[in-house]
Amino acid sequence: MIDSQTARLKALAELETVRADIREMTETLERVDLWRPAAGLKKACAEALVMLDQLAERFDRKLVVTLVGPCGSGKSTC
């Protein structure tokens, strides 16, 4: 269990590092507003941050497994 908690914390730390890099890139793009591709790249950065937030939310979810099958198929057999 400690290993899974450590892995979760490491993954969240990596996500935060990527978020920080993207935020820094967004700030740089805002300083070069006359550069035409900047607007599209800023939009891509915003979308990437949303996706990273959604990914981080998955770490807080509990795993639920459902076994489905007919009677006598061995669902309760270990």
PDB file of N, CA and C in Angstrom:
ATOM      1  N   MET A   1       0.817  -1.179   0.000  1.00  0.00           N
ATOM      2  CA  MET A   1       0.000   0.000   0.000  1.00  0.00           C
ATOM      3  C   MET A   1       0.874   1.262   0.000  1.00  0.00           C
ATOM      4  N   ILE A   2       1.941   1.234   0.727  1.00  0.00           N
ATOM      5  CA  ILE A   2       2.834   2.392   0.747  1.00  0.00           C
ATOM      6  C   ILE A   2       3.443   2.598  -0.630  1.00  0.00           C
ATOM      7  N   ASP A   3       3.747   1.504  -1.323  1.00  0.00           N
ATOM      8  CA  ASP A   3       4.304   1.641  -2.666  1.00  0.00           C
ATOM      9  C   ASP A   3       3.311   2.314  -3.613  1.00  0.00           C
ATOM     10  N   SER A   4       2.036   1.964  -3.505  1.00  0.00           N
ATOM     11  CA  SER A   4       1.043   2.592  -4.376  1.00  0.00           C
ATOM     12  C   SER A   4       0.861   4.063  -4.018  1.00  0.00           C
ATOM     13  N   GLN A   5       0.931   4.395  -2.735  1.00  0.00           N
ATOM     14  CA  GLN A   5       0.830   5.796  -2.330  1.00  0.00           C
ATOM     15  C   GLN A   5       2.038   6.584  -2.828  1.00  0.00           C
ATOM     16  N   THR A   6       3.211   5.977  -2.743  1.00  0.00           N
ATOM     17  CA  THR A   6       4.426   6.636  -3.230  1.00  0.00           C
ATOM     18  C   THR A   6       4.345   6.854  -4.735  1.00  0.00           C
ATOM     19  N   ALA A   7       3.885   5.842  -5.450  1.00  0.00           N
ATOM     20  CA  ALA A   7       3.738   5.968  -6.901  1.00  0.00           C
ATOM     21  C   ALA A   7       2.730   7.059  -7.253  1.00  0.00           C
ATOM     22  N   ARG A   8       1.634   7.136  -6.505  1.00  0.00           N
ATOM     23  CA  ARG A   8       0.619   8.168  -6.737  1.00  0.00           C
ATOM     24  C   ARG A   8       1.213   9.557  -6.524  1.00  0.00           C
ATOM     25  N   LEU A   9       1.947   9.734  -5.436  1.00  0.00           N
ATOM     26  CA  LEU A   9       2.563  11.029  -5.150  1.00  0.00           C
ATOM     27  C   LEU A   9       3.587  11.423  -6.212  1.00  0.00           C
ATOM     28  N   LYS A  10       4.375  10.443  -6.662  1.00  0.00           N
ATOM     29  CA  LYS A  10       5.353  10.726  -7.711  1.00  0.00           C
ATOM     30  C   LYS A  10       4.658  11.133  -9.007  1.00  0.00           C
ATOM     31  N   ALA A  11       3.571  10.449  -9.345  1.00  0.00           N
ATOM     32  CA  ALA A  11       2.837  10.772 -10.567  1.00  0.00           C
ATOM     33  C   ALA A  11       2.221  12.164 -10.468  1.00  0.00           C
ATOM     34  N   LEU A  12       1.643  12.492  -9.319  1.00  0.00           N
ATOM     35  CA  LEU A  12       1.070  13.820  -9.135  1.00  0.00           C
ATOM     36  C   LEU A  12       2.145  14.900  -9.200  1.00  0.00           C
ATOM     37  N   ALA A  13       3.322  14.603  -8.668  1.00  0.00           N
ATOM     38  CA  ALA A  13       4.433  15.562  -8.744  1.00  0.00           C
ATOM     39  C   ALA A  13       4.861  15.773 -10.193  1.00  0.00           C
ATOM     40  N   GLU A  14       4.909  14.707 -10.960  1.00  0.00           N
ATOM     41  CA  GLU A  14       5.254  14.832 -12.386  1.00  0.00           C
ATOM     42  C   GLU A  14       4.212  15.666 -13.128  1.00  0.00           C
ATOM     43  N   LEU A  15       2.938  15.424 -12.814  1.00  0.00           N
ATOM     44  CA  LEU A  15       1.879  16.210 -13.449  1.00  0.00           C
ATOM     45  C   LEU A  15       2.020  17.690 -13.107  1.00  0.00           C
ATOM     46  N   GLU A  16       2.356  17.985 -11.856  1.00  0.00           N
ATOM     47  CA  GLU A  16       2.521  19.381 -11.451  1.00  0.00           C
ATOM     48  C   GLU A  16       3.718  20.022 -12.157  1.00  0.00           C
ATOM     49  N   THR A  17       4.770  19.248 -12.374  1.00  0.00           N
ATOM     50  CA  THR A  17       5.932  19.757 -13.106  1.00  0.00           C
ATOM     51  C   THR A  17       5.545  20.111 -14.539  1.00  0.00           C
ATOM     52  N   VAL A  18       4.785  19.255 -15.171  1.00  0.00           N
ATOM     53  CA  VAL A  18       4.336  19.515 -16.546  1.00  0.00           C
ATOM     54  C   VAL A  18       3.410  20.723 -16.568  1.00  0.00           C
ATOM     55  N   ARG A  19       2.501  20.811 -15.585  1.00  0.00           N
ATOM     56  CA  ARG A  19       1.612  21.978 -15.501  1.00  0.00           C
ATOM     57  C   ARG A  19       2.414  23.282 -15.404  1.00  0.00           C
ATOM     58  N   ALA A  20       3.436  23.269 -14.546  1.00  0.00           N
ATOM     59  CA  ALA A  20       4.271  24.462 -14.368  1.00  0.00           C
ATOM     60  C   ALA A  20       4.968  24.835 -15.674  1.00  0.00           C
ATOM     61  N   ASP A  21       5.456  23.834 -16.394  1.00  0.00           N
ATOM     62  CA  ASP A  21       6.105  24.086 -17.684  1.00  0.00           C
ATOM     63  C   ASP A  21       5.125  24.702 -18.684  1.00  0.00           C
ATOM     64  N   ILE A  22       3.912  24.193 -18.698  1.00  0.00           N
ATOM     65  CA  ILE A  22       2.907  24.712 -19.633  1.00  0.00           C
ATOM     66  C   ILE A  22       2.506  26.131 -19.244  1.00  0.00           C
ATOM     67  N   ARG A  23       2.362  26.386 -17.947  1.00  0.00           N
ATOM     68  CA  ARG A  23       2.043  27.755 -17.502  1.00  0.00           C
ATOM     69  C   ARG A  23       3.158  28.730 -17.892  1.00  0.00           C
ATOM     70  N   GLU A  24       4.393  28.299 -17.738  1.00  0.00           N
ATOM     71  CA  GLU A  24       5.534  29.139 -18.127  1.00  0.00           C
ATOM     72  C   GLU A  24       5.519  29.411 -19.627  1.00  0.00           C
ATOM     73  N   MET A  25       5.192  28.384 -20.401  1.00  0.00           N
ATOM     74  CA  MET A  25       5.110  28.546 -21.849  1.00  0.00           C
ATOM     75  C   MET A  25       4.000  29.516 -22.219  1.00  0.00           C
ATOM     76  N   THR A  26       2.870  29.440 -21.518  1.00  0.00           N
ATOM     77  CA  THR A  26       1.756  30.346 -21.768  1.00  0.00           C
ATOM     78  C   THR A  26       2.162  31.788 -21.480  1.00  0.00           C
ATOM     79  N   GLU A  27       2.872  31.995 -20.384  1.00  0.00           N
ATOM     80  CA  GLU A  27       3.339  33.347 -20.053  1.00  0.00           C
ATOM     81  C   GLU A  27       4.294  33.878 -21.123  1.00  0.00           C
ATOM     82  N   THR A  28       5.144  33.014 -21.629  1.00  0.00           N
ATOM     83  CA  THR A  28       6.062  33.420 -22.698  1.00  0.00           C
ATOM     84  C   THR A  28       5.283  33.787 -23.957  1.00  0.00           C
ATOM     85  N   LEU A  29       4.272  32.995 -24.285  1.00  0.00           N
ATOM     86  CA  LEU A  29       3.461  33.268 -25.473  1.00  0.00           C
ATOM     87  C   LEU A  29       2.685  34.579 -25.338  1.00  0.00           C
ATOM     88  N   GLU A  30       2.297  34.929 -24.117  1.00  0.00           N
ATOM     89  CA  GLU A  30       1.585  36.194 -23.914  1.00  0.00           C
ATOM     90  C   GLU A  30       2.498  37.394 -24.153  1.00  0.00           C
ATOM     91  N   ARG A  31       3.785  37.214 -23.947  1.00  0.00           N
ATOM     92  CA  ARG A  31       4.730  38.317 -24.170  1.00  0.00           C
ATOM     93  C   ARG A  31       5.030  38.528 -25.653  1.00  0.00           C
ATOM     94  N   VAL A  32       4.732  37.540 -26.480  1.00  0.00           N
ATOM     95  CA  VAL A  32       4.986  37.660 -27.925  1.00  0.00           C
ATOM     96  C   VAL A  32       3.654  37.649 -28.680  1.00  0.00           C
ATOM     97  N   ASP A  33       2.733  38.493 -28.244  1.00  0.00           N
ATOM     98  CA  ASP A  33       1.385  38.488 -28.791  1.00  0.00           C
ATOM     99  C   ASP A  33       1.310  38.864 -30.271  1.00  0.00           C
ATOM    100  N   LEU A  34       2.343  39.494 -30.805  1.00  0.00           N
ATOM    101  CA  LEU A  34       2.342  39.834 -32.231  1.00  0.00           C
ATOM    102  C   LEU A  34       2.723  38.647 -33.117  1.00  0.00           C
ATOM    103  N   TRP A  35       3.265  37.615 -32.523  1.00  0.00           N
ATOM    104  CA  TRP A  35       3.620  36.411 -33.271  1.00  0.00           C
ATOM    105  C   TRP A  35       2.340  35.638 -33.559  1.00  0.00           C
ATOM    106  N   ARG A  36       2.004  35.455 -34.800  1.00  0.00           N
ATOM    107  CA  ARG A  36       0.711  34.875 -35.182  1.00  0.00           C
ATOM    108  C   ARG A  36       0.405  33.499 -34.576  1.00  0.00           C
ATOM    109  N   PRO A  37       1.346  32.577 -34.547  1.00  0.00           N
ATOM    110  CA  PRO A  37       1.016  31.265 -33.974  1.00  0.00           C
ATOM    111  C   PRO A  37       0.773  31.289 -32.463  1.00  0.00           C
ATOM    112  N   ALA A  38       1.063  32.400 -31.788  1.00  0.00           N
ATOM    113  CA  ALA A  38       0.946  32.451 -30.331  1.00  0.00           C
ATOM    114  C   ALA A  38      -0.479  32.174 -29.860  1.00  0.00           C
ATOM    115  N   ALA A  39      -1.470  32.710 -30.543  1.00  0.00           N
ATOM    116  CA  ALA A  39      -2.863  32.526 -30.114  1.00  0.00           C
ATOM    117  C   ALA A  39      -3.253  31.053 -30.129  1.00  0.00           C
ATOM    118  N   GLY A  40      -2.915  30.368 -31.201  1.00  0.00           N
ATOM    119  CA  GLY A  40      -3.234  28.940 -31.287  1.00  0.00           C
ATOM    120  C   GLY A  40      -2.479  28.116 -30.258  1.00  0.00           C
ATOM    121  N   LEU A  41      -1.234  28.490 -30.029  1.00  0.00           N
ATOM    122  CA  LEU A  41      -0.440  27.759 -29.041  1.00  0.00           C
ATOM    123  C   LEU A  41      -0.946  28.006 -27.623  1.00  0.00           C
ATOM    124  N   LYS A  42      -1.402  29.232 -27.335  1.00  0.00           N
ATOM    125  CA  LYS A  42      -1.974  29.516 -26.016  1.00  0.00           C
ATOM    126  C   LYS A  42      -3.237  28.693 -25.796  1.00  0.00           C
ATOM    127  N   LYS A  43      -4.039  28.551 -26.844  1.00  0.00           N
ATOM    128  CA  LYS A  43      -5.254  27.736 -26.750  1.00  0.00           C
ATOM    129  C   LYS A  43      -4.893  26.268 -26.498  1.00  0.00           C
ATOM    130  N   ALA A  44      -3.879  25.780 -27.186  1.00  0.00           N
ATOM    131  CA  ALA A  44      -3.429  24.399 -26.976  1.00  0.00           C
ATOM    132  C   ALA A  44      -2.912  24.200 -25.554  1.00  0.00           C
ATOM    133  N   CYS A  45      -2.224  25.208 -25.024  1.00  0.00           N
ATOM    134  CA  CYS A  45      -1.733  25.126 -23.643  1.00  0.00           C
ATOM    135  C   CYS A  45      -2.896  25.049 -22.663  1.00  0.00           C
ATOM    136  N   ALA A  46      -3.923  25.858 -22.898  1.00  0.00           N
ATOM    137  CA  ALA A  46      -5.096  25.849 -22.018  1.00  0.00           C
ATOM    138  C   ALA A  46      -5.784  24.487 -22.060  1.00  0.00           C
ATOM    139  N   GLU A  47      -5.910  23.921 -23.247  1.00  0.00           N
ATOM    140  CA  GLU A  47      -6.523  22.596 -23.381  1.00  0.00           C
ATOM    141  C   GLU A  47      -5.688  21.527 -22.697  1.00  0.00           C
ATOM    142  N   ALA A  48      -4.371  21.642 -22.808  1.00  0.00           N
ATOM    143  CA  ALA A  48      -3.487  20.675 -22.158  1.00  0.00           C
ATOM    144  C   ALA A  48      -3.623  20.751 -20.639  1.00  0.00           C
ATOM    145  N   LEU A  49      -3.769  21.953 -20.105  1.00  0.00           N
ATOM    146  CA  LEU A  49      -3.951  22.102 -18.660  1.00  0.00           C
ATOM    147  C   LEU A  49      -5.258  21.471 -18.201  1.00  0.00           C
ATOM    148  N   VAL A  50      -6.306  21.619 -18.992  1.00  0.00           N
ATOM    149  CA  VAL A  50      -7.584  20.983 -18.654  1.00  0.00           C
ATOM    150  C   VAL A  50      -7.434  19.458 -18.647  1.00  0.00           C
ATOM    151  N   MET A  51      -6.757  18.930 -19.659  1.00  0.00           N
ATOM    152  CA  MET A  51      -6.558  17.477 -19.722  1.00  0.00           C
ATOM    153  C   MET A  51      -5.728  16.979 -18.543  1.00  0.00           C
ATOM    154  N   LEU A  52      -4.718  17.736 -18.145  1.00  0.00           N
ATOM    155  CA  LEU A  52      -3.906  17.342 -16.995  1.00  0.00           C
ATOM    156  C   LEU A  52      -4.723  17.368 -15.708  1.00  0.00           C
ATOM    157  N   ASP A  53      -5.603  18.350 -15.578  1.00  0.00           N
ATOM    158  CA  ASP A  53      -6.476  18.403 -14.403  1.00  0.00           C
ATOM    159  C   ASP A  53      -7.397  17.190 -14.364  1.00  0.00           C
ATOM    160  N   GLN A  54      -7.947  16.820 -15.509  1.00  0.00           N
ATOM    161  CA  GLN A  54      -8.816  15.643 -15.578  1.00  0.00           C
ATOM    162  C   GLN A  54      -8.041  14.376 -15.254  1.00  0.00           C
ATOM    163  N   LEU A  55      -6.813  14.312 -15.701  1.00  0.00           N
ATOM    164  CA  LEU A  55      -5.978  13.151 -15.408  1.00  0.00           C
ATOM    165  C   LEU A  55      -5.677  13.076 -13.915  1.00  0.00           C
ATOM    166  N   ALA A  56      -5.393  14.204 -13.298  1.00  0.00           N
ATOM    167  CA  ALA A  56      -5.099  14.229 -11.865  1.00  0.00           C
ATOM    168  C   ALA A  56      -6.313  13.785 -11.057  1.00  0.00           C
ATOM    169  N   GLU A  57      -7.519  14.117 -11.512  1.00  0.00           N
ATOM    170  CA  GLU A  57      -8.738  13.703 -10.814  1.00  0.00           C
ATOM    171  C   GLU A  57      -8.877  12.186 -10.780  1.00  0.00           C
ATOM    172  N   ARG A  58      -8.362  11.514 -11.771  1.00  0.00           N
ATOM    173  CA  ARG A  58      -8.468  10.056 -11.818  1.00  0.00           C
ATOM    174  C   ARG A  58      -7.698   9.379 -10.691  1.00  0.00           C
ATOM    175  N   PHE A  59      -6.683  10.048 -10.178  1.00  0.00           N
ATOM    176  CA  PHE A  59      -5.901   9.461  -9.095  1.00  0.00           C
ATOM    177  C   PHE A  59      -6.710   9.372  -7.806  1.00  0.00           C
ATOM    178  N   ASP A  60      -7.746  10.191  -7.685  1.00  0.00           N
ATOM    179  CA  ASP A  60      -8.554  10.197  -6.471  1.00  0.00           C
ATOM    180  C   ASP A  60      -9.711   9.209  -6.528  1.00  0.00           C
ATOM    181  N   ARG A  61      -9.953   8.635  -7.672  1.00  0.00           N
ATOM    182  CA  ARG A  61     -11.062   7.692  -7.816  1.00  0.00           C
ATOM    183  C   ARG A  61     -10.694   6.321  -7.262  1.00  0.00           C
ATOM    184  N   LYS A  62     -11.695   5.660  -6.741  1.00  0.00           N
ATOM    185  CA  LYS A  62     -11.521   4.289  -6.265  1.00  0.00           C
ATOM    186  C   LYS A  62     -11.805   3.331  -7.423  1.00  0.00           C
ATOM    187  N   LEU A  63     -11.108   2.209  -7.431  1.00  0.00           N
ATOM    188  CA  LEU A  63     -11.320   1.197  -8.455  1.00  0.00           C
ATOM    189  C   LEU A  63     -12.516   0.337  -8.065  1.00  0.00           C
ATOM    190  N   VAL A  64     -13.462   0.202  -8.965  1.00  0.00           N
ATOM    191  CA  VAL A  64     -14.630  -0.635  -8.746  1.00  0.00           C
ATOM    192  C   VAL A  64     -14.643  -1.692  -9.844  1.00  0.00           C
ATOM    193  N   VAL A  65     -14.711  -2.938  -9.428  1.00  0.00           N
ATOM    194  CA  VAL A  65     -14.727  -4.047 -10.374  1.00  0.00           C
ATOM    195  C   VAL A  65     -16.048  -4.779 -10.238  1.00  0.00           C
ATOM    196  N   THR A  66     -16.688  -5.067 -11.343  1.00  0.00           N
ATOM    197  CA  THR A  66     -17.951  -5.784 -11.347  1.00  0.00           C
ATOM    198  C   THR A  66     -17.787  -7.056 -12.160  1.00  0.00           C
ATOM    199  N   LEU A  67     -18.191  -8.162 -11.570  1.00  0.00           N
ATOM    200  CA  LEU A  67     -18.154  -9.444 -12.276  1.00  0.00           C
ATOM    201  C   LEU A  67     -19.567  -9.793 -12.701  1.00  0.00           C
ATOM    202  N   VAL A  68     -19.724 -10.086 -13.977  1.00  0.00           N
ATOM    203  CA  VAL A  68     -21.032 -10.413 -14.515  1.00  0.00           C
ATOM    204  C   VAL A  68     -20.919 -11.752 -15.225  1.00  0.00           C
ATOM    205  N   GLY A  69     -21.920 -12.600 -14.994  1.00  0.00           N
ATOM    206  CA  GLY A  69     -21.935 -13.889 -15.673  1.00  0.00           C
ATOM    207  C   GLY A  69     -23.103 -14.726 -15.195  1.00  0.00           C
ATOM    208  N   PRO A  70     -23.374 -15.797 -15.908  1.00  0.00           N
ATOM    209  CA  PRO A  70     -24.503 -16.658 -15.522  1.00  0.00           C
ATOM    210  C   PRO A  70     -24.186 -17.459 -14.251  1.00  0.00           C
ATOM    211  N   CYS A  71     -25.218 -17.989 -13.640  1.00  0.00           N
ATOM    212  CA  CYS A  71     -25.071 -18.843 -12.453  1.00  0.00           C
ATOM    213  C   CYS A  71     -24.180 -20.032 -12.796  1.00  0.00           C
ATOM    214  N   GLY A  72     -23.272 -20.348 -11.869  1.00  0.00           N
ATOM    215  CA  GLY A  72     -22.409 -21.504 -12.059  1.00  0.00           C
ATOM    216  C   GLY A  72     -21.189 -21.236 -12.940  1.00  0.00           C
ATOM    217  N   SER A  73     -20.934 -20.003 -13.294  1.00  0.00           N
ATOM    218  CA  SER A  73     -19.794 -19.701 -14.165  1.00  0.00           C
ATOM    219  C   SER A  73     -18.509 -19.483 -13.384  1.00  0.00           C
ATOM    220  N   GLY A  74     -18.552 -19.480 -12.050  1.00  0.00           N
ATOM    221  CA  GLY A  74     -17.353 -19.357 -11.250  1.00  0.00           C
ATOM    222  C   GLY A  74     -17.030 -17.948 -10.783  1.00  0.00           C
ATOM    223  N   LYS A  75     -18.020 -17.089 -10.745  1.00  0.00           N
ATOM    224  CA  LYS A  75     -17.776 -15.704 -10.324  1.00  0.00           C
ATOM    225  C   LYS A  75     -17.268 -15.614  -8.890  1.00  0.00           C
ATOM    226  N   SER A  76     -17.747 -16.478  -8.024  1.00  0.00           N
ATOM    227  CA  SER A  76     -17.373 -16.386  -6.597  1.00  0.00           C
ATOM    228  C   SER A  76     -16.233 -17.344  -6.247  1.00  0.00           C
ATOM    229  N   THR A  77     -15.659 -18.004  -7.210  1.00  0.00           N
ATOM    230  CA  THR A  77     -14.566 -18.941  -6.969  1.00  0.00           C
ATOM    231  C   THR A  77     -13.237 -18.205  -7.003  1.00  0.00           C
ATOM    232  N   CYS A  78     -12.420 -18.433  -5.978  1.00  0.00           N
ATOM    233  CA  CYS A  78     -11.128 -17.765  -5.926  1.00  0.00           C
ATOM    234  C   CYS A  78     -10.095 -18.513  -6.708  1.00  0.00           C
TER     235      CYS A  78
END
